[in-house]
Amino acid sequence: MRQDRTDSAMTDDEWMAEAVALAIREKGSDPANTPIGALLVKDGKLVAASVNHTAEHCDATAHAEIETFRAAGKAMGEMRVEGSTLYSTLQPCGMCTMASIWVGVSRIVYGAGRDDVHKMYFEDRNLDTIDFVRDAYKDDLTLEGGVLTAECAKLYYGPDDDVPEDKQANQ
């Protein structure tokens, strides 16, 4: 990851390509490793980036987005990064979406969404991150999905893959 990147002209596709590259570099491309990559960008500058560390840290909250927020807090010296954009290779869960609100994220941009991957990656009930934003009365946060969907979805089990239940995190 090019931490010194300051090109404010980078597009959403370019930032997402960076998130995909980070996920593959850190976690590989085996869906069993759940290679989720996340970046936090403010004013065209990369603030922080991380991948999920749930298994490595034995921590159910160590999602890529949360790990990125933790790194951003340390880098910035405060918990809020107002007006930032979160890029995630997979649609953020409810926990990560609510954390985005607390961080002050203005945009969440994600690659693979609920319909692009196996159901194991999302809550059992059909809750969607947009529900969390709407229910939090957050009108200054936008969600944009479908950025490099195919590239991101390749990192995860597909909707029709036969994944043993003991390998499914949300079962």
N, C-alpha and C. Protein backbone atom coordinates (compact mmCIF):
# COMPACT_ATOMS: atom_id res chain seq x y z
N MET A 1 0.84 -1.17 0.00
CA MET A 1 0.00 0.00 0.00
C MET A 1 0.89 1.23 0.00
N ARG A 2 0.57 2.13 -0.86
CA ARG A 2 1.36 3.35 -0.97
C ARG A 2 0.83 4.38 0.02
N GLN A 3 1.31 4.34 1.25
CA GLN A 3 0.83 5.22 2.31
C GLN A 3 1.06 6.70 1.99
N ASP A 4 2.03 6.98 1.14
CA ASP A 4 2.34 8.38 0.84
C ASP A 4 1.54 8.90 -0.34
N ARG A 5 0.63 8.11 -0.86
CA ARG A 5 -0.15 8.51 -2.04
C ARG A 5 -0.99 9.73 -1.69
N THR A 6 -0.87 10.78 -2.48
CA THR A 6 -1.63 12.01 -2.22
C THR A 6 -2.33 12.50 -3.48
N ASP A 7 -2.61 11.62 -4.41
CA ASP A 7 -3.23 12.01 -5.66
C ASP A 7 -4.73 12.16 -5.46
N SER A 8 -5.19 13.40 -5.31
CA SER A 8 -6.62 13.63 -5.06
C SER A 8 -7.45 13.33 -6.30
N ALA A 9 -6.81 13.09 -7.43
CA ALA A 9 -7.53 12.78 -8.65
C ALA A 9 -7.80 11.29 -8.80
N MET A 10 -7.40 10.48 -7.83
CA MET A 10 -7.68 9.05 -7.93
C MET A 10 -9.18 8.81 -7.93
N THR A 11 -9.61 7.89 -8.76
CA THR A 11 -11.03 7.56 -8.86
C THR A 11 -11.40 6.49 -7.84
N ASP A 12 -12.69 6.28 -7.69
CA ASP A 12 -13.16 5.21 -6.81
C ASP A 12 -12.62 3.87 -7.27
N ASP A 13 -12.58 3.65 -8.59
CA ASP A 13 -12.03 2.39 -9.11
C ASP A 13 -10.57 2.21 -8.71
N GLU A 14 -9.80 3.28 -8.77
CA GLU A 14 -8.38 3.19 -8.41
C GLU A 14 -8.19 2.92 -6.92
N TRP A 15 -8.96 3.60 -6.09
CA TRP A 15 -8.87 3.34 -4.65
C TRP A 15 -9.30 1.91 -4.33
N MET A 16 -10.36 1.44 -5.00
CA MET A 16 -10.81 0.07 -4.75
C MET A 16 -9.77 -0.93 -5.23
N ALA A 17 -9.11 -0.65 -6.32
CA ALA A 17 -8.03 -1.53 -6.78
C ALA A 17 -6.93 -1.60 -5.73
N GLU A 18 -6.65 -0.51 -5.06
CA GLU A 18 -5.67 -0.51 -3.96
C GLU A 18 -6.15 -1.41 -2.81
N ALA A 19 -7.45 -1.35 -2.51
CA ALA A 19 -8.01 -2.18 -1.44
C ALA A 19 -7.93 -3.66 -1.81
N VAL A 20 -8.22 -3.99 -3.06
CA VAL A 20 -8.12 -5.38 -3.52
C VAL A 20 -6.67 -5.85 -3.43
N ALA A 21 -5.75 -5.03 -3.89
CA ALA A 21 -4.33 -5.39 -3.84
C ALA A 21 -3.86 -5.61 -2.40
N LEU A 22 -4.30 -4.77 -1.49
CA LEU A 22 -3.97 -4.92 -0.07
C LEU A 22 -4.51 -6.24 0.47
N ALA A 23 -5.76 -6.53 0.16
CA ALA A 23 -6.38 -7.77 0.65
C ALA A 23 -5.60 -8.99 0.16
N ILE A 24 -5.24 -9.00 -1.10
CA ILE A 24 -4.51 -10.13 -1.67
C ILE A 24 -3.10 -10.22 -1.09
N ARG A 25 -2.45 -9.08 -0.97
CA ARG A 25 -1.09 -9.06 -0.44
C ARG A 25 -1.04 -9.56 1.01
N GLU A 26 -1.99 -9.15 1.82
CA GLU A 26 -1.99 -9.48 3.24
C GLU A 26 -2.65 -10.82 3.57
N LYS A 27 -3.70 -11.19 2.81
CA LYS A 27 -4.49 -12.37 3.16
C LYS A 27 -4.52 -13.44 2.06
N GLY A 28 -4.02 -13.13 0.88
CA GLY A 28 -4.09 -14.07 -0.23
C GLY A 28 -5.44 -14.02 -0.90
N SER A 29 -5.65 -14.92 -1.85
CA SER A 29 -6.92 -14.90 -2.59
C SER A 29 -7.81 -16.10 -2.28
N ASP A 30 -7.47 -16.86 -1.25
CA ASP A 30 -8.29 -18.00 -0.85
C ASP A 30 -9.49 -17.48 -0.04
N PRO A 31 -10.71 -17.75 -0.49
CA PRO A 31 -11.88 -17.26 0.25
C PRO A 31 -11.93 -17.74 1.70
N ALA A 32 -11.29 -18.84 2.00
CA ALA A 32 -11.28 -19.35 3.38
C ALA A 32 -10.58 -18.37 4.33
N ASN A 33 -9.72 -17.52 3.79
CA ASN A 33 -9.01 -16.53 4.61
C ASN A 33 -9.76 -15.21 4.71
N THR A 34 -10.89 -15.11 4.08
CA THR A 34 -11.72 -13.90 4.06
C THR A 34 -10.87 -12.64 3.84
N PRO A 35 -10.28 -12.52 2.65
CA PRO A 35 -9.41 -11.37 2.37
C PRO A 35 -10.18 -10.08 2.09
N ILE A 36 -10.57 -9.43 3.15
CA ILE A 36 -11.27 -8.14 3.03
C ILE A 36 -10.26 -7.03 3.23
N GLY A 37 -10.26 -6.07 2.33
CA GLY A 37 -9.37 -4.92 2.44
C GLY A 37 -10.19 -3.65 2.60
N ALA A 38 -9.69 -2.72 3.40
CA ALA A 38 -10.37 -1.45 3.63
C ALA A 38 -9.36 -0.31 3.66
N LEU A 39 -9.77 0.83 3.11
CA LEU A 39 -8.95 2.04 3.10
C LEU A 39 -9.79 3.19 3.62
N LEU A 40 -9.17 4.12 4.32
CA LEU A 40 -9.83 5.36 4.71
C LEU A 40 -9.07 6.49 4.04
N VAL A 41 -9.80 7.28 3.25
CA VAL A 41 -9.21 8.34 2.45
C VAL A 41 -9.87 9.67 2.82
N LYS A 42 -9.06 10.69 3.00
CA LYS A 42 -9.58 12.03 3.28
C LYS A 42 -8.82 13.03 2.43
N ASP A 43 -9.56 13.88 1.75
CA ASP A 43 -8.96 14.92 0.90
C ASP A 43 -7.96 14.32 -0.09
N GLY A 44 -8.30 13.17 -0.65
CA GLY A 44 -7.45 12.53 -1.64
C GLY A 44 -6.20 11.87 -1.10
N LYS A 45 -6.10 11.78 0.23
CA LYS A 45 -4.92 11.16 0.85
C LYS A 45 -5.33 9.92 1.63
N LEU A 46 -4.50 8.90 1.53
CA LEU A 46 -4.74 7.69 2.30
C LEU A 46 -4.40 7.96 3.76
N VAL A 47 -5.38 7.77 4.64
CA VAL A 47 -5.19 7.98 6.07
C VAL A 47 -4.75 6.68 6.73
N ALA A 48 -5.43 5.59 6.37
CA ALA A 48 -5.12 4.29 6.97
C ALA A 48 -5.69 3.18 6.09
N ALA A 49 -5.13 2.00 6.26
CA ALA A 49 -5.59 0.83 5.51
C ALA A 49 -5.34 -0.41 6.34
N SER A 50 -6.21 -1.40 6.18
CA SER A 50 -6.00 -2.66 6.89
C SER A 50 -6.84 -3.76 6.25
N VAL A 51 -6.65 -4.95 6.77
CA VAL A 51 -7.43 -6.12 6.38
C VAL A 51 -8.05 -6.68 7.65
N ASN A 52 -8.95 -7.65 7.47
CA ASN A 52 -9.56 -8.24 8.65
C ASN A 52 -8.56 -9.12 9.39
N HIS A 53 -8.63 -9.07 10.72
CA HIS A 53 -7.75 -9.86 11.58
C HIS A 53 -8.55 -10.64 12.62
N THR A 54 -9.78 -11.00 12.28
CA THR A 54 -10.63 -11.68 13.26
C THR A 54 -10.02 -12.98 13.75
N ALA A 55 -9.54 -13.80 12.83
CA ALA A 55 -8.97 -15.10 13.22
C ALA A 55 -7.63 -14.91 13.93
N GLU A 56 -6.79 -14.05 13.40
CA GLU A 56 -5.45 -13.86 13.97
C GLU A 56 -5.50 -13.28 15.37
N HIS A 57 -6.44 -12.39 15.63
CA HIS A 57 -6.55 -11.75 16.93
C HIS A 57 -7.58 -12.40 17.85
N CYS A 58 -8.25 -13.44 17.34
CA CYS A 58 -9.35 -14.06 18.10
C CYS A 58 -10.31 -12.98 18.59
N ASP A 59 -10.68 -12.11 17.66
CA ASP A 59 -11.47 -10.91 17.98
C ASP A 59 -12.54 -10.73 16.91
N ALA A 60 -13.78 -10.97 17.27
CA ALA A 60 -14.88 -10.85 16.32
C ALA A 60 -15.07 -9.44 15.81
N THR A 61 -14.50 -8.44 16.47
CA THR A 61 -14.65 -7.06 16.03
C THR A 61 -13.50 -6.59 15.15
N ALA A 62 -12.53 -7.43 14.87
CA ALA A 62 -11.35 -7.02 14.11
C ALA A 62 -11.59 -7.10 12.60
N HIS A 63 -12.73 -6.57 12.16
CA HIS A 63 -13.03 -6.50 10.74
C HIS A 63 -12.07 -5.50 10.08
N ALA A 64 -11.91 -5.61 8.78
CA ALA A 64 -10.99 -4.73 8.05
C ALA A 64 -11.31 -3.26 8.29
N GLU A 65 -12.61 -2.93 8.27
CA GLU A 65 -13.00 -1.54 8.46
C GLU A 65 -12.66 -1.05 9.87
N ILE A 66 -12.93 -1.86 10.87
CA ILE A 66 -12.64 -1.49 12.26
C ILE A 66 -11.13 -1.34 12.45
N GLU A 67 -10.37 -2.28 11.91
CA GLU A 67 -8.91 -2.20 12.00
C GLU A 67 -8.40 -0.93 11.32
N THR A 68 -9.02 -0.56 10.22
CA THR A 68 -8.65 0.67 9.52
C THR A 68 -8.97 1.89 10.38
N PHE A 69 -10.13 1.89 11.02
CA PHE A 69 -10.49 3.01 11.90
C PHE A 69 -9.53 3.11 13.08
N ARG A 70 -9.13 1.97 13.61
CA ARG A 70 -8.17 1.98 14.73
C ARG A 70 -6.84 2.58 14.28
N ALA A 71 -6.38 2.18 13.11
CA ALA A 71 -5.12 2.72 12.57
C ALA A 71 -5.25 4.21 12.27
N ALA A 72 -6.40 4.62 11.77
CA ALA A 72 -6.62 6.05 11.47
C ALA A 72 -6.60 6.87 12.76
N GLY A 73 -7.22 6.35 13.80
CA GLY A 73 -7.23 7.06 15.08
C GLY A 73 -5.83 7.29 15.60
N LYS A 74 -5.00 6.25 15.50
CA LYS A 74 -3.60 6.39 15.93
C LYS A 74 -2.85 7.38 15.06
N ALA A 75 -3.07 7.31 13.75
CA ALA A 75 -2.36 8.20 12.82
C ALA A 75 -2.78 9.66 12.98
N MET A 76 -4.08 9.87 13.24
CA MET A 76 -4.61 11.23 13.32
C MET A 76 -4.61 11.79 14.75
N GLY A 77 -4.50 10.90 15.74
CA GLY A 77 -4.53 11.36 17.12
C GLY A 77 -5.92 11.70 17.61
N GLU A 78 -6.93 11.22 16.91
CA GLU A 78 -8.32 11.42 17.34
C GLU A 78 -9.18 10.36 16.68
N MET A 79 -10.37 10.15 17.23
CA MET A 79 -11.22 9.07 16.72
C MET A 79 -12.04 9.47 15.50
N ARG A 80 -12.24 10.74 15.27
CA ARG A 80 -13.08 11.18 14.15
C ARG A 80 -12.23 11.65 12.97
N VAL A 81 -12.63 11.23 11.80
CA VAL A 81 -12.01 11.67 10.55
C VAL A 81 -13.16 12.17 9.67
N GLU A 82 -13.65 13.34 10.03
CA GLU A 82 -14.81 13.93 9.36
C GLU A 82 -14.57 14.08 7.86
N GLY A 83 -15.60 13.75 7.09
CA GLY A 83 -15.54 13.96 5.65
C GLY A 83 -14.70 12.94 4.89
N SER A 84 -14.38 11.84 5.51
CA SER A 84 -13.55 10.82 4.86
C SER A 84 -14.41 9.85 4.05
N THR A 85 -13.73 9.07 3.23
CA THR A 85 -14.38 8.01 2.45
C THR A 85 -13.77 6.68 2.85
N LEU A 86 -14.64 5.72 3.14
CA LEU A 86 -14.22 4.36 3.44
C LEU A 86 -14.40 3.52 2.19
N TYR A 87 -13.33 2.85 1.77
CA TYR A 87 -13.39 1.90 0.67
C TYR A 87 -13.25 0.51 1.26
N SER A 88 -14.17 -0.40 0.91
CA SER A 88 -14.12 -1.76 1.41
C SER A 88 -14.42 -2.72 0.26
N THR A 89 -13.67 -3.80 0.20
CA THR A 89 -13.87 -4.76 -0.87
C THR A 89 -15.17 -5.54 -0.72
N LEU A 90 -15.76 -5.53 0.47
CA LEU A 90 -17.03 -6.21 0.73
C LEU A 90 -17.96 -5.24 1.45
N GLN A 91 -19.23 -5.27 1.10
CA GLN A 91 -20.20 -4.38 1.74
C GLN A 91 -20.07 -4.49 3.25
N PRO A 92 -19.86 -3.37 3.93
CA PRO A 92 -19.68 -3.41 5.38
C PRO A 92 -20.91 -3.94 6.11
N CYS A 93 -20.65 -4.66 7.18
CA CYS A 93 -21.73 -5.16 8.04
C CYS A 93 -22.30 -4.00 8.87
N GLY A 94 -23.30 -4.32 9.66
CA GLY A 94 -23.92 -3.30 10.50
C GLY A 94 -22.96 -2.69 11.50
N MET A 95 -22.11 -3.52 12.11
CA MET A 95 -21.15 -3.01 13.08
C MET A 95 -20.21 -1.98 12.43
N CYS A 96 -19.71 -2.34 11.26
CA CYS A 96 -18.75 -1.46 10.59
C CYS A 96 -19.42 -0.19 10.05
N THR A 97 -20.68 -0.33 9.64
CA THR A 97 -21.42 0.85 9.17
C THR A 97 -21.67 1.81 10.32
N MET A 98 -22.08 1.28 11.47
CA MET A 98 -22.30 2.16 12.63
C MET A 98 -20.99 2.79 13.09
N ALA A 99 -19.90 2.03 13.04
CA ALA A 99 -18.60 2.61 13.40
C ALA A 99 -18.24 3.73 12.43
N SER A 100 -18.59 3.57 11.16
CA SER A 100 -18.33 4.62 10.17
C SER A 100 -19.02 5.92 10.56
N ILE A 101 -20.23 5.79 11.07
CA ILE A 101 -20.97 6.97 11.51
C ILE A 101 -20.22 7.66 12.66
N TRP A 102 -19.73 6.87 13.62
CA TRP A 102 -19.00 7.45 14.75
C TRP A 102 -17.68 8.07 14.32
N VAL A 103 -17.07 7.52 13.29
CA VAL A 103 -15.79 8.05 12.79
C VAL A 103 -16.00 9.37 12.04
N GLY A 104 -17.19 9.55 11.46
CA GLY A 104 -17.45 10.76 10.69
C GLY A 104 -17.29 10.56 9.19
N VAL A 105 -17.32 9.30 8.76
CA VAL A 105 -17.21 8.99 7.34
C VAL A 105 -18.37 9.62 6.59
N SER A 106 -18.09 10.20 5.43
CA SER A 106 -19.14 10.80 4.60
C SER A 106 -19.62 9.86 3.50
N ARG A 107 -18.71 9.00 3.04
CA ARG A 107 -19.04 8.05 1.96
C ARG A 107 -18.48 6.69 2.30
N ILE A 108 -19.29 5.66 2.06
CA ILE A 108 -18.82 4.29 2.09
C ILE A 108 -18.93 3.77 0.67
N VAL A 109 -17.80 3.33 0.13
CA VAL A 109 -17.76 2.79 -1.22
C VAL A 109 -17.33 1.34 -1.09
N TYR A 110 -18.12 0.42 -1.64
CA TYR A 110 -17.77 -0.99 -1.52
C TYR A 110 -17.84 -1.69 -2.87
N GLY A 111 -17.15 -2.83 -2.92
CA GLY A 111 -17.09 -3.61 -4.15
C GLY A 111 -18.19 -4.64 -4.20
N ALA A 112 -17.96 -5.81 -3.63
CA ALA A 112 -18.94 -6.90 -3.65
C ALA A 112 -20.03 -6.63 -2.63
N GLY A 113 -21.26 -6.85 -3.04
CA GLY A 113 -22.40 -6.65 -2.16
C GLY A 113 -23.06 -7.96 -1.78
N ARG A 114 -24.13 -7.83 -1.06
CA ARG A 114 -24.88 -8.96 -0.52
C ARG A 114 -25.23 -10.01 -1.57
N ASP A 115 -25.61 -9.61 -2.77
CA ASP A 115 -26.02 -10.55 -3.80
C ASP A 115 -24.85 -11.14 -4.59
N ASP A 116 -23.65 -10.62 -4.38
CA ASP A 116 -22.48 -11.05 -5.15
C ASP A 116 -21.68 -12.16 -4.49
N VAL A 117 -21.97 -12.44 -3.22
CA VAL A 117 -21.17 -13.40 -2.44
C VAL A 117 -22.09 -14.34 -1.67
N HIS A 118 -21.50 -15.31 -1.02
CA HIS A 118 -22.25 -16.28 -0.22
C HIS A 118 -22.95 -15.57 0.94
N LYS A 119 -24.10 -16.08 1.33
CA LYS A 119 -24.88 -15.45 2.41
C LYS A 119 -24.17 -15.46 3.75
N MET A 120 -23.13 -16.29 3.90
CA MET A 120 -22.43 -16.39 5.19
C MET A 120 -21.77 -15.09 5.61
N TYR A 121 -21.54 -14.19 4.67
CA TYR A 121 -20.84 -12.95 4.99
C TYR A 121 -21.74 -11.89 5.62
N PHE A 122 -23.03 -12.17 5.68
CA PHE A 122 -23.97 -11.16 6.16
C PHE A 122 -24.87 -11.72 7.24
N GLU A 123 -25.53 -10.85 7.94
CA GLU A 123 -26.44 -11.23 8.98
C GLU A 123 -27.48 -12.18 8.41
N ASP A 124 -27.97 -13.07 9.25
CA ASP A 124 -28.94 -14.08 8.81
C ASP A 124 -30.22 -13.43 8.33
N ARG A 125 -30.72 -12.46 9.07
CA ARG A 125 -31.90 -11.72 8.63
C ARG A 125 -31.47 -10.75 7.56
N ASN A 126 -32.35 -10.41 6.67
CA ASN A 126 -31.99 -9.58 5.54
C ASN A 126 -31.90 -8.10 5.93
N LEU A 127 -30.94 -7.80 6.79
CA LEU A 127 -30.66 -6.42 7.15
C LEU A 127 -29.60 -5.91 6.18
N ASP A 128 -29.70 -4.70 5.81
CA ASP A 128 -28.76 -4.13 4.87
C ASP A 128 -28.13 -2.89 5.51
N THR A 129 -26.90 -2.58 5.13
CA THR A 129 -26.23 -1.43 5.73
C THR A 129 -27.02 -0.14 5.53
N ILE A 130 -27.76 -0.05 4.44
CA ILE A 130 -28.56 1.16 4.23
C ILE A 130 -29.60 1.32 5.34
N ASP A 131 -30.08 0.19 5.90
CA ASP A 131 -31.01 0.26 7.03
C ASP A 131 -30.38 0.97 8.22
N PHE A 132 -29.11 0.67 8.49
CA PHE A 132 -28.43 1.28 9.63
C PHE A 132 -28.26 2.78 9.41
N VAL A 133 -27.95 3.17 8.20
CA VAL A 133 -27.78 4.59 7.91
C VAL A 133 -29.12 5.30 8.04
N ARG A 134 -30.16 4.73 7.46
CA ARG A 134 -31.49 5.35 7.53
C ARG A 134 -31.98 5.42 8.97
N ASP A 135 -31.81 4.33 9.72
CA ASP A 135 -32.31 4.29 11.08
C ASP A 135 -31.51 5.19 12.03
N ALA A 136 -30.30 5.51 11.68
CA ALA A 136 -29.49 6.42 12.50
C ALA A 136 -29.75 7.88 12.10
N TYR A 137 -30.67 8.09 11.18
CA TYR A 137 -31.01 9.42 10.68
C TYR A 137 -29.78 10.15 10.18
N LYS A 138 -28.94 9.42 9.48
CA LYS A 138 -27.68 9.97 9.00
C LYS A 138 -27.85 10.38 7.55
N ASP A 139 -28.15 11.64 7.31
CA ASP A 139 -28.37 12.08 5.94
C ASP A 139 -27.11 12.63 5.29
N ASP A 140 -25.99 12.62 6.00
CA ASP A 140 -24.75 13.09 5.42
C ASP A 140 -23.77 11.95 5.17
N LEU A 141 -24.28 10.72 5.08
CA LEU A 141 -23.48 9.56 4.76
C LEU A 141 -24.10 8.87 3.56
N THR A 142 -23.30 8.64 2.53
CA THR A 142 -23.81 7.94 1.35
C THR A 142 -23.08 6.62 1.20
N LEU A 143 -23.80 5.64 0.66
CA LEU A 143 -23.24 4.33 0.37
C LEU A 143 -23.30 4.12 -1.14
N GLU A 144 -22.18 3.69 -1.69
CA GLU A 144 -22.11 3.43 -3.12
C GLU A 144 -21.48 2.06 -3.31
N GLY A 145 -22.24 1.14 -3.86
CA GLY A 145 -21.76 -0.21 -4.07
C GLY A 145 -21.47 -0.48 -5.53
N GLY A 146 -20.89 -1.64 -5.77
CA GLY A 146 -20.66 -2.07 -7.13
C GLY A 146 -19.40 -1.54 -7.78
N VAL A 147 -18.44 -1.09 -7.01
CA VAL A 147 -17.18 -0.60 -7.58
C VAL A 147 -16.22 -1.78 -7.67
N LEU A 148 -15.83 -2.12 -8.88
CA LEU A 148 -14.98 -3.29 -9.16
C LEU A 148 -15.59 -4.56 -8.56
N THR A 149 -16.88 -4.71 -8.73
CA THR A 149 -17.60 -5.84 -8.14
C THR A 149 -16.97 -7.18 -8.48
N ALA A 150 -16.69 -7.43 -9.75
CA ALA A 150 -16.16 -8.74 -10.16
C ALA A 150 -14.82 -9.02 -9.49
N GLU A 151 -13.94 -8.04 -9.46
CA GLU A 151 -12.62 -8.21 -8.85
C GLU A 151 -12.74 -8.49 -7.35
N CYS A 152 -13.66 -7.79 -6.70
CA CYS A 152 -13.86 -7.98 -5.27
C CYS A 152 -14.54 -9.32 -4.98
N ALA A 153 -15.57 -9.65 -5.73
CA ALA A 153 -16.33 -10.88 -5.48
C ALA A 153 -15.46 -12.12 -5.64
N LYS A 154 -14.45 -12.07 -6.49
CA LYS A 154 -13.55 -13.21 -6.68
C LYS A 154 -12.82 -13.59 -5.40
N LEU A 155 -12.73 -12.66 -4.45
CA LEU A 155 -12.02 -12.92 -3.21
C LEU A 155 -12.83 -13.77 -2.22
N TYR A 156 -14.12 -13.94 -2.47
CA TYR A 156 -15.02 -14.56 -1.51
C TYR A 156 -15.75 -15.75 -2.13
N TYR A 157 -16.37 -16.55 -1.27
CA TYR A 157 -17.21 -17.62 -1.76
C TYR A 157 -18.39 -17.01 -2.51
N GLY A 158 -18.77 -17.64 -3.60
CA GLY A 158 -19.88 -17.15 -4.40
C GLY A 158 -21.22 -17.54 -3.83
N PRO A 159 -22.29 -16.92 -4.34
CA PRO A 159 -23.63 -17.18 -3.82
C PRO A 159 -24.04 -18.65 -3.88
N ASP A 160 -23.58 -19.37 -4.87
CA ASP A 160 -23.98 -20.77 -5.04
C ASP A 160 -22.93 -21.77 -4.58
N ASP A 161 -21.82 -21.30 -4.00
CA ASP A 161 -20.79 -22.21 -3.52
C ASP A 161 -21.31 -23.03 -2.35
N ASP A 162 -20.90 -24.29 -2.30
CA ASP A 162 -21.28 -25.19 -1.21
C ASP A 162 -20.22 -25.09 -0.11
N VAL A 163 -20.47 -24.22 0.85
CA VAL A 163 -19.53 -23.99 1.94
C VAL A 163 -20.02 -24.76 3.17
N PRO A 164 -19.18 -25.66 3.72
CA PRO A 164 -19.61 -26.41 4.90
C PRO A 164 -20.03 -25.47 6.03
N GLU A 165 -21.08 -25.83 6.73
CA GLU A 165 -21.61 -24.95 7.79
C GLU A 165 -20.58 -24.63 8.86
N ASP A 166 -19.66 -25.55 9.16
CA ASP A 166 -18.67 -25.28 10.19
C ASP A 166 -17.62 -24.27 9.74
N LYS A 167 -17.63 -23.92 8.47
CA LYS A 167 -16.71 -22.91 7.94
C LYS A 167 -17.39 -21.55 7.78
N GLN A 168 -18.68 -21.50 8.08
CA GLN A 168 -19.44 -20.27 7.90
C GLN A 168 -19.48 -19.49 9.21
N ALA A 169 -18.97 -18.29 9.17
CA ALA A 169 -18.83 -17.48 10.38
C ALA A 169 -20.17 -17.09 11.00
N ASN A 170 -21.17 -16.85 10.21
CA ASN A 170 -22.44 -16.34 10.74
C ASN A 170 -23.48 -17.42 10.98
N GLN A 171 -23.05 -18.66 11.10
CA GLN A 171 -24.00 -19.76 11.33
C GLN A 171 -24.03 -20.14 12.79
